[in-house]
Amino acid sequence: MSKNRVFGVTGWKNSGKTLLVVRLVEEFTRRGFTVSTVKHAHHNFDIDKEGADSYRHRQAGAGEVALVSGRRWALMHELRGEDEPPLEAILDRLAPCDLVIIEGYKREGHPKIEARRTDSAKSEPLAATDPAIIAIASDHALANESLPVFDLNDIPAVADFIAAHTGLKETHG
């Protein structure tokens, strides 16, 4: 079990997940909280550039490469045929913070809000089959919805809901 509070943002492609996560991180940090994020990416993503020293280290066979500077550090782990690690293993590696916002991970059981946009409305809503989705943030009206529905752009209301659900208290400056 993660030592940090976690809450997810899920939805289909182009549903507004990333923008919602970014705006929530801005809102929670503005409120004085420390926030980390976990983003589930496509299978073959790479944050490294071909030709960079760290890329060359990985290409040579290094299982992990840490890049460290005076401003940030990053750790890249090559799976090299291993299975993708479970979300819980990633959460366990994060430093303590007030809240971890998870983007994606549709099939995991942490509490989530589903992002919906008119453009993605043709996709089947996820909330109908995922009991971990406890609210919806939408850019259009939703009829006959039993879950709480927030305007996708009402970030303070969405943040208040997440804070209440996770027990995040306004104890900071």
Protein backbone atom coordinates (compact mmCIF):
# COMPACT_ATOMS: atom_id res chain seq x y z
CA MET A 1 0.00 0.00 0.00
CA SER A 2 1.37 3.39 -0.98
CA LYS A 3 2.53 5.73 1.75
CA ASN A 4 1.02 8.64 -0.20
CA ARG A 5 -2.59 9.60 -0.89
CA VAL A 6 -3.48 8.70 -4.47
CA PHE A 7 -6.25 9.80 -6.79
CA GLY A 8 -6.57 9.11 -10.49
CA VAL A 9 -7.76 10.82 -13.64
CA THR A 10 -8.90 8.43 -16.33
CA GLY A 11 -10.71 8.66 -19.63
CA TRP A 12 -10.44 7.84 -23.29
CA LYS A 13 -7.89 9.43 -25.63
CA ASN A 14 -8.54 13.19 -26.12
CA SER A 15 -10.94 13.31 -23.16
CA GLY A 16 -8.96 16.04 -21.37
CA LYS A 17 -7.03 13.88 -18.90
CA THR A 18 -3.66 15.59 -19.22
CA LEU A 19 -5.04 19.13 -19.06
CA LEU A 20 -7.12 18.18 -16.01
CA VAL A 21 -4.07 16.66 -14.29
CA VAL A 22 -1.94 19.74 -15.07
CA ARG A 23 -4.59 22.12 -13.77
CA LEU A 24 -5.13 20.01 -10.62
CA VAL A 25 -1.37 19.97 -9.92
CA GLU A 26 -1.33 23.77 -10.31
CA GLU A 27 -4.34 24.11 -7.98
CA PHE A 28 -3.01 21.81 -5.25
CA THR A 29 0.48 23.35 -5.33
CA ARG A 30 -1.10 26.82 -5.21
CA ARG A 31 -2.85 25.62 -2.04
CA GLY A 32 0.54 24.68 -0.60
CA PHE A 33 0.50 20.92 -1.09
CA THR A 34 3.30 18.77 -2.51
CA VAL A 35 2.09 16.77 -5.49
CA SER A 36 3.64 14.00 -7.57
CA THR A 37 2.21 12.45 -10.70
CA VAL A 38 2.33 9.08 -12.42
CA LYS A 39 1.45 8.94 -16.11
CA HIS A 40 0.78 5.66 -17.86
CA ALA A 41 2.37 5.92 -21.30
CA HIS A 42 2.21 4.00 -24.51
CA HIS A 43 4.27 0.85 -24.85
CA ASN A 44 7.39 2.17 -26.54
CA PHE A 45 7.76 5.73 -25.19
CA ASP A 46 11.22 7.19 -24.61
CA ILE A 47 12.21 10.29 -22.67
CA ASP A 48 15.80 10.04 -23.83
CA LYS A 49 17.30 11.35 -27.07
CA GLU A 50 19.24 9.20 -29.48
CA GLY A 51 22.91 10.11 -29.27
CA ALA A 52 22.72 11.47 -25.69
CA ASP A 53 25.20 9.94 -23.26
CA SER A 54 22.40 8.39 -21.18
CA TYR A 55 20.82 6.91 -24.32
CA ARG A 56 24.17 5.38 -25.23
CA HIS A 57 24.46 3.91 -21.70
CA ARG A 58 21.07 2.22 -22.11
CA GLN A 59 21.88 1.02 -25.62
CA ALA A 60 25.09 -0.51 -24.24
CA GLY A 61 22.96 -2.60 -21.86
CA ALA A 62 22.66 -0.66 -18.58
CA GLY A 63 19.57 -1.79 -16.68
CA GLU A 64 19.14 1.56 -14.97
CA VAL A 65 20.55 4.95 -15.84
CA ALA A 66 20.32 7.91 -13.46
CA LEU A 67 20.72 11.41 -14.84
CA VAL A 68 21.61 13.88 -12.12
CA SER A 69 22.10 17.63 -12.22
CA GLY A 70 21.91 20.52 -9.79
CA ARG A 71 18.25 21.07 -10.73
CA ARG A 72 16.70 17.60 -11.15
CA TRP A 73 17.40 13.92 -11.45
CA ALA A 74 15.73 11.13 -13.36
CA LEU A 75 16.02 7.37 -13.18
CA MET A 76 15.34 5.31 -16.27
CA HIS A 77 14.83 1.58 -15.87
CA GLU A 78 14.97 -0.68 -18.91
CA LEU A 79 12.56 -3.60 -18.63
CA ARG A 80 14.47 -5.70 -21.17
CA GLY A 81 11.70 -8.25 -21.53
CA GLU A 82 10.40 -8.02 -17.95
CA ASP A 83 6.71 -7.31 -17.42
CA GLU A 84 5.59 -3.74 -16.86
CA PRO A 85 5.75 -3.12 -13.11
CA PRO A 86 2.45 -2.85 -11.26
CA LEU A 87 1.30 0.64 -10.32
CA GLU A 88 1.86 -0.12 -6.63
CA ALA A 89 5.56 -0.79 -7.27
CA ILE A 90 5.90 2.61 -8.92
CA LEU A 91 4.00 4.34 -6.11
CA ASP A 92 6.33 2.70 -3.58
CA ARG A 93 9.33 4.35 -5.30
CA LEU A 94 7.95 7.88 -5.01
CA ALA A 95 9.15 10.22 -2.29
CA PRO A 96 6.61 11.20 0.38
CA CYS A 97 4.20 13.92 -0.75
CA ASP A 98 0.72 15.14 0.07
CA LEU A 99 -0.96 13.72 -3.04
CA VAL A 100 -0.11 11.57 -6.06
CA ILE A 101 -2.29 12.19 -9.10
CA ILE A 102 -2.31 9.23 -11.48
CA GLU A 103 -3.12 9.73 -15.15
CA GLY A 104 -4.38 6.72 -17.03
CA TYR A 105 -4.27 3.24 -15.50
CA LYS A 106 -7.89 2.56 -16.45
CA ARG A 107 -7.84 -0.96 -14.98
CA GLU A 108 -6.41 -0.15 -11.53
CA GLY A 109 -8.57 0.06 -8.40
CA HIS A 110 -7.55 3.44 -6.95
CA PRO A 111 -10.26 6.14 -6.74
CA LYS A 112 -10.60 8.04 -10.02
CA ILE A 113 -12.46 10.80 -11.77
CA GLU A 114 -13.37 10.21 -15.40
CA ALA A 115 -12.65 13.04 -17.84
CA ARG A 116 -15.13 13.39 -20.69
CA ARG A 117 -15.25 15.79 -23.61
CA THR A 118 -17.89 16.16 -26.28
CA ASP A 119 -15.26 15.04 -28.81
CA SER A 120 -14.73 11.77 -26.90
CA ALA A 121 -18.44 11.25 -26.09
CA LYS A 122 -18.74 8.63 -28.83
CA SER A 123 -16.64 6.31 -26.66
CA GLU A 124 -18.45 4.20 -24.08
CA PRO A 125 -18.32 5.86 -20.63
CA LEU A 126 -15.85 4.10 -18.34
CA ALA A 127 -17.76 4.76 -15.11
CA ALA A 128 -20.47 2.22 -16.02
CA THR A 129 -18.01 -0.65 -15.69
CA ASP A 130 -15.44 0.71 -13.21
CA PRO A 131 -16.55 1.02 -9.57
CA ALA A 132 -13.31 2.91 -8.76
CA ILE A 133 -14.59 5.88 -10.79
CA ILE A 134 -16.35 7.97 -8.18
CA ALA A 135 -16.97 11.19 -10.13
CA ILE A 136 -16.98 12.63 -13.64
CA ALA A 137 -15.53 15.87 -15.02
CA SER A 138 -17.22 16.77 -18.29
CA ASP A 139 -17.40 19.67 -20.74
CA HIS A 140 -21.04 18.85 -21.53
CA ALA A 141 -24.22 18.11 -19.58
CA LEU A 142 -24.78 14.49 -18.59
CA ALA A 143 -28.32 13.24 -18.16
CA ASN A 144 -29.21 10.42 -15.76
CA GLU A 145 -25.77 10.23 -14.16
CA SER A 146 -25.69 8.82 -10.62
CA LEU A 147 -22.12 9.94 -9.87
CA PRO A 148 -21.14 13.51 -8.96
CA VAL A 149 -20.52 15.48 -12.16
CA PHE A 150 -18.18 18.49 -12.30
CA ASP A 151 -17.54 20.98 -15.05
CA LEU A 152 -14.23 19.97 -16.60
CA ASN A 153 -13.06 23.57 -16.17
CA ASP A 154 -14.15 24.00 -12.53
CA ILE A 155 -10.76 23.01 -11.14
CA PRO A 156 -11.35 24.35 -7.59
CA ALA A 157 -14.51 22.22 -7.25
CA VAL A 158 -12.76 19.10 -8.58
CA ALA A 159 -9.80 19.75 -6.25
CA ASP A 160 -12.16 20.22 -3.28
CA PHE A 161 -13.81 16.87 -4.10
CA ILE A 162 -10.44 15.09 -4.34
CA ALA A 163 -9.23 16.73 -1.10
CA ALA A 164 -12.38 15.66 0.73
CA HIS A 165 -12.20 12.12 -0.63
CA THR A 166 -8.52 11.62 0.22
CA GLY A 167 -8.63 13.41 3.58
CA LEU A 168 -6.22 16.07 2.37
CA LYS A 169 -6.50 18.90 4.86
CA GLU A 170 -5.83 22.56 4.21
CA THR A 171 -3.02 22.77 6.77
CA HIS A 172 -0.55 24.59 4.59
CA GLY A 173 0.05 28.34 4.19
